[in-house]
Full PDB file with SEQRES, HELIX, SHEET, SSBOND, CRYST1, ORIGX, SCALE, CONECT and MASTER records, all heavy atoms in Angstrom:
SEQRES   1 A   32  ASP ALA THR PRO GLY SER ALA ASP GLN ARG GLN VAL MET          
SEQRES   2 A   32  ALA VAL PHE GLU GLN GLU GLY LYS SER TYR THR VAL PRO          
SEQRES   3 A   32  ILE GLY SER LEU GLN GLY                                      
SHEET    1 AA1 2 GLN A   9  GLN A  18  0                                        
SHEET    2 AA1 2 LYS A  21  GLN A  31 -1                                        
CRYST1    1.000    1.000    1.000  90.00  90.00  90.00 P 1           1          
ORIGX1      1.000000  0.000000  0.000000        0.00000                         
ORIGX2      0.000000  1.000000  0.000000        0.00000                         
ORIGX3      0.000000  0.000000  1.000000        0.00000                         
SCALE1      1.000000  0.000000  0.000000        0.00000                         
SCALE2      0.000000  1.000000  0.000000        0.00000                         
SCALE3      0.000000  0.000000  1.000000        0.00000                         
ATOM      1  N   ASP A   1     -16.650  19.465  34.161  1.00  0.00           N  
ATOM      2  CA  ASP A   1     -17.923  18.939  33.699  1.00  0.00           C  
ATOM      3  C   ASP A   1     -17.769  17.441  34.127  1.00  0.00           C  
ATOM      4  O   ASP A   1     -16.710  16.849  34.355  1.00  0.00           O  
ATOM      5  CB  ASP A   1     -17.798  19.081  32.159  1.00  0.00           C  
ATOM      6  CG  ASP A   1     -19.374  19.108  31.629  1.00  0.00           C  
ATOM      7  OD1 ASP A   1     -20.090  18.575  32.299  1.00  0.00           O  
ATOM      8  OD2 ASP A   1     -19.501  19.561  30.416  1.00  0.00           O  
ATOM      9  N   ALA A   2     -18.912  16.853  34.124  1.00  0.00           N  
ATOM     10  CA  ALA A   2     -19.050  15.377  34.588  1.00  0.00           C  
ATOM     11  C   ALA A   2     -18.334  14.613  33.655  1.00  0.00           C  
ATOM     12  O   ALA A   2     -18.300  14.779  32.432  1.00  0.00           O  
ATOM     13  CB  ALA A   2     -20.636  15.069  34.561  1.00  0.00           C  
ATOM     14  N   THR A   3     -17.651  13.529  34.127  1.00  0.00           N  
ATOM     15  CA  THR A   3     -16.966  12.584  33.393  1.00  0.00           C  
ATOM     16  C   THR A   3     -18.021  11.504  32.960  1.00  0.00           C  
ATOM     17  O   THR A   3     -18.547  10.890  33.989  1.00  0.00           O  
ATOM     18  CB  THR A   3     -15.714  11.903  34.163  1.00  0.00           C  
ATOM     19  OG1 THR A   3     -14.823  13.060  34.440  1.00  0.00           O  
ATOM     20  CG2 THR A   3     -15.119  10.843  33.362  1.00  0.00           C  
ATOM     21  N   PRO A   4     -18.158  11.251  31.683  1.00  0.00           N  
ATOM     22  CA  PRO A   4     -19.056  10.088  31.299  1.00  0.00           C  
ATOM     23  C   PRO A   4     -18.680   8.766  32.017  1.00  0.00           C  
ATOM     24  O   PRO A   4     -17.545   8.296  32.018  1.00  0.00           O  
ATOM     25  CB  PRO A   4     -18.926  10.144  29.855  1.00  0.00           C  
ATOM     26  CG  PRO A   4     -18.413  11.408  29.369  1.00  0.00           C  
ATOM     27  CD  PRO A   4     -17.467  11.872  30.655  1.00  0.00           C  
ATOM     28  N   GLY A   5     -19.713   8.191  32.660  1.00  0.00           N  
ATOM     29  CA  GLY A   5     -19.476   6.942  33.192  1.00  0.00           C  
ATOM     30  C   GLY A   5     -18.766   6.929  34.562  1.00  0.00           C  
ATOM     31  O   GLY A   5     -18.508   5.818  35.091  1.00  0.00           O  
ATOM     32  N   SER A   6     -18.583   8.048  35.177  1.00  0.00           N  
ATOM     33  CA  SER A   6     -17.898   8.152  36.412  1.00  0.00           C  
ATOM     34  C   SER A   6     -18.595   9.067  37.446  1.00  0.00           C  
ATOM     35  O   SER A   6     -18.920  10.143  37.061  1.00  0.00           O  
ATOM     36  CB  SER A   6     -16.474   8.595  36.302  1.00  0.00           C  
ATOM     37  OG  SER A   6     -15.757   8.812  37.519  1.00  0.00           O  
ATOM     38  N   ALA A   7     -19.009   8.464  38.523  1.00  0.00           N  
ATOM     39  CA  ALA A   7     -19.776   9.279  39.579  1.00  0.00           C  
ATOM     40  C   ALA A   7     -18.805  10.148  40.429  1.00  0.00           C  
ATOM     41  O   ALA A   7     -19.403  11.142  41.048  1.00  0.00           O  
ATOM     42  CB  ALA A   7     -20.543   8.312  40.521  1.00  0.00           C  
ATOM     43  N   ASP A   8     -17.494   9.819  40.532  1.00  0.00           N  
ATOM     44  CA  ASP A   8     -16.634  10.501  41.485  1.00  0.00           C  
ATOM     45  C   ASP A   8     -15.534  11.349  40.761  1.00  0.00           C  
ATOM     46  O   ASP A   8     -14.660  11.721  41.491  1.00  0.00           O  
ATOM     47  CB  ASP A   8     -16.118   9.541  42.478  1.00  0.00           C  
ATOM     48  CG  ASP A   8     -15.148   8.542  41.868  1.00  0.00           C  
ATOM     49  OD1 ASP A   8     -15.186   8.337  40.642  1.00  0.00           O  
ATOM     50  OD2 ASP A   8     -14.274   7.875  42.576  1.00  0.00           O  
ATOM     51  N   GLN A   9     -15.626  11.444  39.467  1.00  0.00           N  
ATOM     52  CA  GLN A   9     -14.567  12.245  38.803  1.00  0.00           C  
ATOM     53  C   GLN A   9     -15.186  13.335  37.863  1.00  0.00           C  
ATOM     54  O   GLN A   9     -16.219  12.989  37.221  1.00  0.00           O  
ATOM     55  CB  GLN A   9     -13.752  11.221  37.921  1.00  0.00           C  
ATOM     56  CG  GLN A   9     -12.581  11.978  37.224  1.00  0.00           C  
ATOM     57  CD  GLN A   9     -11.746  11.024  36.442  1.00  0.00           C  
ATOM     58  OE1 GLN A   9     -11.435   9.938  36.776  1.00  0.00           O  
ATOM     59  NE2 GLN A   9     -11.196  11.513  35.309  1.00  0.00           N  
ATOM     60  N   ARG A  10     -14.510  14.317  37.658  1.00  0.00           N  
ATOM     61  CA  ARG A  10     -14.919  15.351  36.714  1.00  0.00           C  
ATOM     62  C   ARG A  10     -13.769  15.732  35.877  1.00  0.00           C  
ATOM     63  O   ARG A  10     -12.620  15.526  36.118  1.00  0.00           O  
ATOM     64  CB  ARG A  10     -15.469  16.691  37.514  1.00  0.00           C  
ATOM     65  CG  ARG A  10     -16.599  16.466  38.434  1.00  0.00           C  
ATOM     66  CD  ARG A  10     -17.154  17.684  39.004  1.00  0.00           C  
ATOM     67  NE  ARG A  10     -17.627  18.777  38.124  1.00  0.00           N  
ATOM     68  CZ  ARG A  10     -18.736  18.871  37.521  1.00  0.00           C  
ATOM     69  NH1 ARG A  10     -19.565  17.701  37.642  1.00  0.00           N  
ATOM     70  NH2 ARG A  10     -19.037  19.776  36.657  1.00  0.00           N  
ATOM     71  N   GLN A  11     -14.093  16.223  34.632  1.00  0.00           N  
ATOM     72  CA  GLN A  11     -13.151  16.619  33.668  1.00  0.00           C  
ATOM     73  C   GLN A  11     -12.844  18.016  33.711  1.00  0.00           C  
ATOM     74  O   GLN A  11     -13.768  18.785  33.989  1.00  0.00           O  
ATOM     75  CB  GLN A  11     -13.586  16.259  32.211  1.00  0.00           C  
ATOM     76  CG  GLN A  11     -13.704  14.772  31.961  1.00  0.00           C  
ATOM     77  CD  GLN A  11     -12.301  14.134  31.758  1.00  0.00           C  
ATOM     78  OE1 GLN A  11     -11.427  14.579  31.138  1.00  0.00           O  
ATOM     79  NE2 GLN A  11     -12.128  13.048  32.594  1.00  0.00           N  
ATOM     80  N   VAL A  12     -11.617  18.453  33.668  1.00  0.00           N  
ATOM     81  CA  VAL A  12     -11.227  19.858  33.509  1.00  0.00           C  
ATOM     82  C   VAL A  12     -11.246  20.151  32.064  1.00  0.00           C  
ATOM     83  O   VAL A  12     -10.534  19.446  31.229  1.00  0.00           O  
ATOM     84  CB  VAL A  12      -9.957  20.229  34.177  1.00  0.00           C  
ATOM     85  CG1 VAL A  12      -9.571  21.700  33.994  1.00  0.00           C  
ATOM     86  CG2 VAL A  12     -10.006  19.815  35.610  1.00  0.00           C  
ATOM     87  N   MET A  13     -11.954  21.042  31.554  1.00  0.00           N  
ATOM     88  CA  MET A  13     -12.201  21.329  30.108  1.00  0.00           C  
ATOM     89  C   MET A  13     -11.729  22.760  29.725  1.00  0.00           C  
ATOM     90  O   MET A  13     -12.203  23.683  30.385  1.00  0.00           O  
ATOM     91  CB  MET A  13     -13.601  21.069  29.666  1.00  0.00           C  
ATOM     92  CG  MET A  13     -14.187  19.733  30.187  1.00  0.00           C  
ATOM     93  SD  MET A  13     -13.528  18.288  29.374  1.00  0.00           S  
ATOM     94  CE  MET A  13     -14.127  18.479  27.687  1.00  0.00           C  
ATOM     95  N   ALA A  14     -10.971  22.847  28.570  1.00  0.00           N  
ATOM     96  CA  ALA A  14     -10.609  24.154  28.026  1.00  0.00           C  
ATOM     97  C   ALA A  14     -11.765  24.565  27.085  1.00  0.00           C  
ATOM     98  O   ALA A  14     -11.967  23.716  26.185  1.00  0.00           O  
ATOM     99  CB  ALA A  14      -9.369  24.230  27.404  1.00  0.00           C  
ATOM    100  N   VAL A  15     -12.354  25.683  27.201  1.00  0.00           N  
ATOM    101  CA  VAL A  15     -13.368  26.139  26.363  1.00  0.00           C  
ATOM    102  C   VAL A  15     -12.731  27.087  25.295  1.00  0.00           C  
ATOM    103  O   VAL A  15     -11.961  27.986  25.605  1.00  0.00           O  
ATOM    104  CB  VAL A  15     -14.515  26.860  27.070  1.00  0.00           C  
ATOM    105  CG1 VAL A  15     -15.485  27.471  26.093  1.00  0.00           C  
ATOM    106  CG2 VAL A  15     -15.105  26.069  28.203  1.00  0.00           C  
ATOM    107  N   PHE A  16     -13.047  26.758  23.993  1.00  0.00           N  
ATOM    108  CA  PHE A  16     -12.628  27.603  22.990  1.00  0.00           C  
ATOM    109  C   PHE A  16     -13.679  27.726  21.856  1.00  0.00           C  
ATOM    110  O   PHE A  16     -14.643  27.007  21.827  1.00  0.00           O  
ATOM    111  CB  PHE A  16     -11.254  27.126  22.220  1.00  0.00           C  
ATOM    112  CG  PHE A  16     -11.536  25.768  21.563  1.00  0.00           C  
ATOM    113  CD1 PHE A  16     -11.553  25.635  20.192  1.00  0.00           C  
ATOM    114  CD2 PHE A  16     -11.363  24.579  22.250  1.00  0.00           C  
ATOM    115  CE1 PHE A  16     -11.715  24.447  19.451  1.00  0.00           C  
ATOM    116  CE2 PHE A  16     -11.529  23.335  21.640  1.00  0.00           C  
ATOM    117  CZ  PHE A  16     -11.697  23.249  20.254  1.00  0.00           C  
ATOM    118  N   GLU A  17     -13.444  28.709  20.927  1.00  0.00           N  
ATOM    119  CA  GLU A  17     -14.475  28.912  19.871  1.00  0.00           C  
ATOM    120  C   GLU A  17     -13.787  28.695  18.608  1.00  0.00           C  
ATOM    121  O   GLU A  17     -12.615  29.024  18.389  1.00  0.00           O  
ATOM    122  CB  GLU A  17     -15.083  30.342  19.884  1.00  0.00           C  
ATOM    123  CG  GLU A  17     -15.962  30.583  21.072  1.00  0.00           C  
ATOM    124  CD  GLU A  17     -16.461  32.086  21.201  1.00  0.00           C  
ATOM    125  OE1 GLU A  17     -16.149  32.810  20.395  1.00  0.00           O  
ATOM    126  OE2 GLU A  17     -17.219  32.228  22.104  1.00  0.00           O  
ATOM    127  N   GLN A  18     -14.599  28.136  17.558  1.00  0.00           N  
ATOM    128  CA  GLN A  18     -14.113  27.980  16.239  1.00  0.00           C  
ATOM    129  C   GLN A  18     -15.340  28.026  15.384  1.00  0.00           C  
ATOM    130  O   GLN A  18     -16.274  27.414  15.643  1.00  0.00           O  
ATOM    131  CB  GLN A  18     -13.519  26.467  16.218  1.00  0.00           C  
ATOM    132  CG  GLN A  18     -12.910  26.020  14.937  1.00  0.00           C  
ATOM    133  CD  GLN A  18     -12.146  24.654  15.123  1.00  0.00           C  
ATOM    134  OE1 GLN A  18     -11.056  24.632  15.598  1.00  0.00           O  
ATOM    135  NE2 GLN A  18     -12.839  23.648  14.721  1.00  0.00           N  
ATOM    136  N   GLU A  19     -15.289  28.875  14.358  1.00  0.00           N  
ATOM    137  CA  GLU A  19     -16.183  29.171  13.393  1.00  0.00           C  
ATOM    138  C   GLU A  19     -17.548  29.407  13.945  1.00  0.00           C  
ATOM    139  O   GLU A  19     -18.633  29.006  13.759  1.00  0.00           O  
ATOM    140  CB  GLU A  19     -16.327  27.940  12.463  1.00  0.00           C  
ATOM    141  CG  GLU A  19     -15.080  27.671  11.566  1.00  0.00           C  
ATOM    142  CD  GLU A  19     -15.237  26.473  10.745  1.00  0.00           C  
ATOM    143  OE1 GLU A  19     -16.289  25.688  10.733  1.00  0.00           O  
ATOM    144  OE2 GLU A  19     -14.181  26.147  10.076  1.00  0.00           O  
ATOM    145  N   GLY A  20     -17.509  30.371  15.100  1.00  0.00           N  
ATOM    146  CA  GLY A  20     -18.568  30.839  15.768  1.00  0.00           C  
ATOM    147  C   GLY A  20     -19.310  29.936  16.747  1.00  0.00           C  
ATOM    148  O   GLY A  20     -20.375  30.081  17.389  1.00  0.00           O  
ATOM    149  N   LYS A  21     -18.721  28.668  16.989  1.00  0.00           N  
ATOM    150  CA  LYS A  21     -19.290  27.743  17.792  1.00  0.00           C  
ATOM    151  C   LYS A  21     -18.342  27.453  19.036  1.00  0.00           C  
ATOM    152  O   LYS A  21     -17.124  27.591  18.841  1.00  0.00           O  
ATOM    153  CB  LYS A  21     -19.548  26.490  17.133  1.00  0.00           C  
ATOM    154  CG  LYS A  21     -20.615  26.452  16.026  1.00  0.00           C  
ATOM    155  CD  LYS A  21     -20.885  25.254  15.288  1.00  0.00           C  
ATOM    156  CE  LYS A  21     -21.778  25.342  14.232  1.00  0.00           C  
ATOM    157  NZ  LYS A  21     -22.059  24.077  13.490  1.00  0.00           N  
ATOM    158  N   SER A  22     -18.844  27.024  20.133  1.00  0.00           N  
ATOM    159  CA  SER A  22     -18.111  26.708  21.437  1.00  0.00           C  
ATOM    160  C   SER A  22     -17.745  25.189  21.471  1.00  0.00           C  
ATOM    161  O   SER A  22     -18.702  24.431  21.170  1.00  0.00           O  
ATOM    162  CB  SER A  22     -18.874  27.134  22.623  1.00  0.00           C  
ATOM    163  OG  SER A  22     -18.963  28.540  22.574  1.00  0.00           O  
ATOM    164  N   TYR A  23     -16.481  24.995  21.842  1.00  0.00           N  
ATOM    165  CA  TYR A  23     -16.124  23.551  22.044  1.00  0.00           C  
ATOM    166  C   TYR A  23     -15.254  23.522  23.307  1.00  0.00           C  
ATOM    167  O   TYR A  23     -14.846  24.501  23.846  1.00  0.00           O  
ATOM    168  CB  TYR A  23     -15.148  23.153  20.870  1.00  0.00           C  
ATOM    169  CG  TYR A  23     -15.965  23.198  19.623  1.00  0.00           C  
ATOM    170  CD1 TYR A  23     -15.825  24.348  18.604  1.00  0.00           C  
ATOM    171  CD2 TYR A  23     -16.778  22.133  19.066  1.00  0.00           C  
ATOM    172  CE1 TYR A  23     -16.520  24.363  17.470  1.00  0.00           C  
ATOM    173  CE2 TYR A  23     -17.484  22.205  17.913  1.00  0.00           C  
ATOM    174  CZ  TYR A  23     -17.338  23.282  17.133  1.00  0.00           C  
ATOM    175  OH  TYR A  23     -17.974  23.319  15.911  1.00  0.00           O  
ATOM    176  N   THR A  24     -15.060  22.154  23.764  1.00  0.00           N  
ATOM    177  CA  THR A  24     -14.140  21.917  24.813  1.00  0.00           C  
ATOM    178  C   THR A  24     -13.277  20.805  24.487  1.00  0.00           C  
ATOM    179  O   THR A  24     -13.671  19.957  23.785  1.00  0.00           O  
ATOM    180  CB  THR A  24     -14.971  21.571  26.093  1.00  0.00           C  
ATOM    181  OG1 THR A  24     -15.753  20.445  25.943  1.00  0.00           O  
ATOM    182  CG2 THR A  24     -15.785  22.673  26.627  1.00  0.00           C  
ATOM    183  N   VAL A  25     -12.112  20.875  25.139  1.00  0.00           N  
ATOM    184  CA  VAL A  25     -11.125  19.860  25.035  1.00  0.00           C  
ATOM    185  C   VAL A  25     -10.707  19.482  26.413  1.00  0.00           C  
ATOM    186  O   VAL A  25     -10.447  20.289  27.291  1.00  0.00           O  
ATOM    187  CB  VAL A  25      -9.884  20.125  24.093  1.00  0.00           C  
ATOM    188  CG1 VAL A  25      -9.221  21.412  24.596  1.00  0.00           C  
ATOM    189  CG2 VAL A  25      -9.025  19.076  23.849  1.00  0.00           C  
ATOM    190  N   PRO A  26     -10.585  18.235  26.829  1.00  0.00           N  
ATOM    191  CA  PRO A  26     -10.114  17.896  28.152  1.00  0.00           C  
ATOM    192  C   PRO A  26      -8.685  18.268  28.324  1.00  0.00           C  
ATOM    193  O   PRO A  26      -7.849  18.009  27.508  1.00  0.00           O  
ATOM    194  CB  PRO A  26     -10.204  16.297  28.204  1.00  0.00           C  
ATOM    195  CG  PRO A  26     -11.136  15.976  26.999  1.00  0.00           C  
ATOM    196  CD  PRO A  26     -10.915  17.001  26.008  1.00  0.00           C  
ATOM    197  N   ILE A  27      -8.436  18.827  29.505  1.00  0.00           N  
ATOM    198  CA  ILE A  27      -6.969  19.306  29.857  1.00  0.00           C  
ATOM    199  C   ILE A  27      -6.661  18.859  31.246  1.00  0.00           C  
ATOM    200  O   ILE A  27      -5.615  19.093  31.779  1.00  0.00           O  
ATOM    201  CB  ILE A  27      -6.697  20.657  29.778  1.00  0.00           C  
ATOM    202  CG1 ILE A  27      -7.729  21.570  30.697  1.00  0.00           C  
ATOM    203  CG2 ILE A  27      -6.826  21.230  28.207  1.00  0.00           C  
ATOM    204  CD1 ILE A  27      -7.213  23.027  30.897  1.00  0.00           C  
ATOM    205  N   GLY A  28      -7.525  18.006  31.891  1.00  0.00           N  
ATOM    206  CA  GLY A  28      -7.210  17.574  33.209  1.00  0.00           C  
ATOM    207  C   GLY A  28      -8.368  16.792  33.823  1.00  0.00           C  
ATOM    208  O   GLY A  28      -9.398  16.591  33.242  1.00  0.00           O  
ATOM    209  N   SER A  29      -8.308  16.488  35.089  1.00  0.00           N  
ATOM    210  CA  SER A  29      -9.398  15.813  35.840  1.00  0.00           C  
ATOM    211  C   SER A  29      -9.472  16.310  37.267  1.00  0.00           C  
ATOM    212  O   SER A  29      -8.378  16.851  37.851  1.00  0.00           O  
ATOM    213  CB  SER A  29      -9.224  14.216  35.772  1.00  0.00           C  
ATOM    214  OG  SER A  29      -8.000  13.933  36.380  1.00  0.00           O  
ATOM    215  N   LEU A  30     -10.610  16.114  37.931  1.00  0.00           N  
ATOM    216  CA  LEU A  30     -10.732  16.457  39.416  1.00  0.00           C  
ATOM    217  C   LEU A  30     -11.305  15.105  39.993  1.00  0.00           C  
ATOM    218  O   LEU A  30     -12.321  14.775  39.581  1.00  0.00           O  
ATOM    219  CB  LEU A  30     -11.633  17.645  39.471  1.00  0.00           C  
ATOM    220  CG  LEU A  30     -12.231  17.929  40.796  1.00  0.00           C  
ATOM    221  CD1 LEU A  30     -11.010  18.276  41.891  1.00  0.00           C  
ATOM    222  CD2 LEU A  30     -13.219  19.061  40.828  1.00  0.00           C  
ATOM    223  N   GLN A  31     -10.619  14.687  41.053  1.00  0.00           N  
ATOM    224  CA  GLN A  31     -11.243  13.531  41.713  1.00  0.00           C  
ATOM    225  C   GLN A  31     -10.805  13.616  43.179  1.00  0.00           C  
ATOM    226  O   GLN A  31      -9.474  13.839  43.488  1.00  0.00           O  
ATOM    227  CB  GLN A  31     -10.687  12.214  41.108  1.00  0.00           C  
ATOM    228  CG  GLN A  31     -11.308  10.952  41.642  1.00  0.00           C  
ATOM    229  CD  GLN A  31     -10.905   9.690  40.838  1.00  0.00           C  
ATOM    230  OE1 GLN A  31      -9.929   9.750  40.167  1.00  0.00           O  
ATOM    231  NE2 GLN A  31     -11.760   8.726  41.053  1.00  0.00           N  
ATOM    232  N   GLY A  32     -11.795  13.431  44.042  1.00  0.00           N  
ATOM    233  CA  GLY A  32     -11.462  13.557  45.380  1.00  0.00           C  
ATOM    234  C   GLY A  32     -10.844  14.901  45.934  1.00  0.00           C  
ATOM    235  O   GLY A  32     -10.033  14.893  46.730  1.00  0.00           O  
TER     236      GLY A  32                                                      
MASTER        0    0    0    0    2    0    0    6  235    1    0    3          
END                                                                             
């Protein structure tokens, strides 16, 4: 997903569910 405030970096996010809703937590980055 896009990294807030950065045009050349993306966040690697783990998607999980909790109480019927979806959430993400950052687990890495992608750049260049």
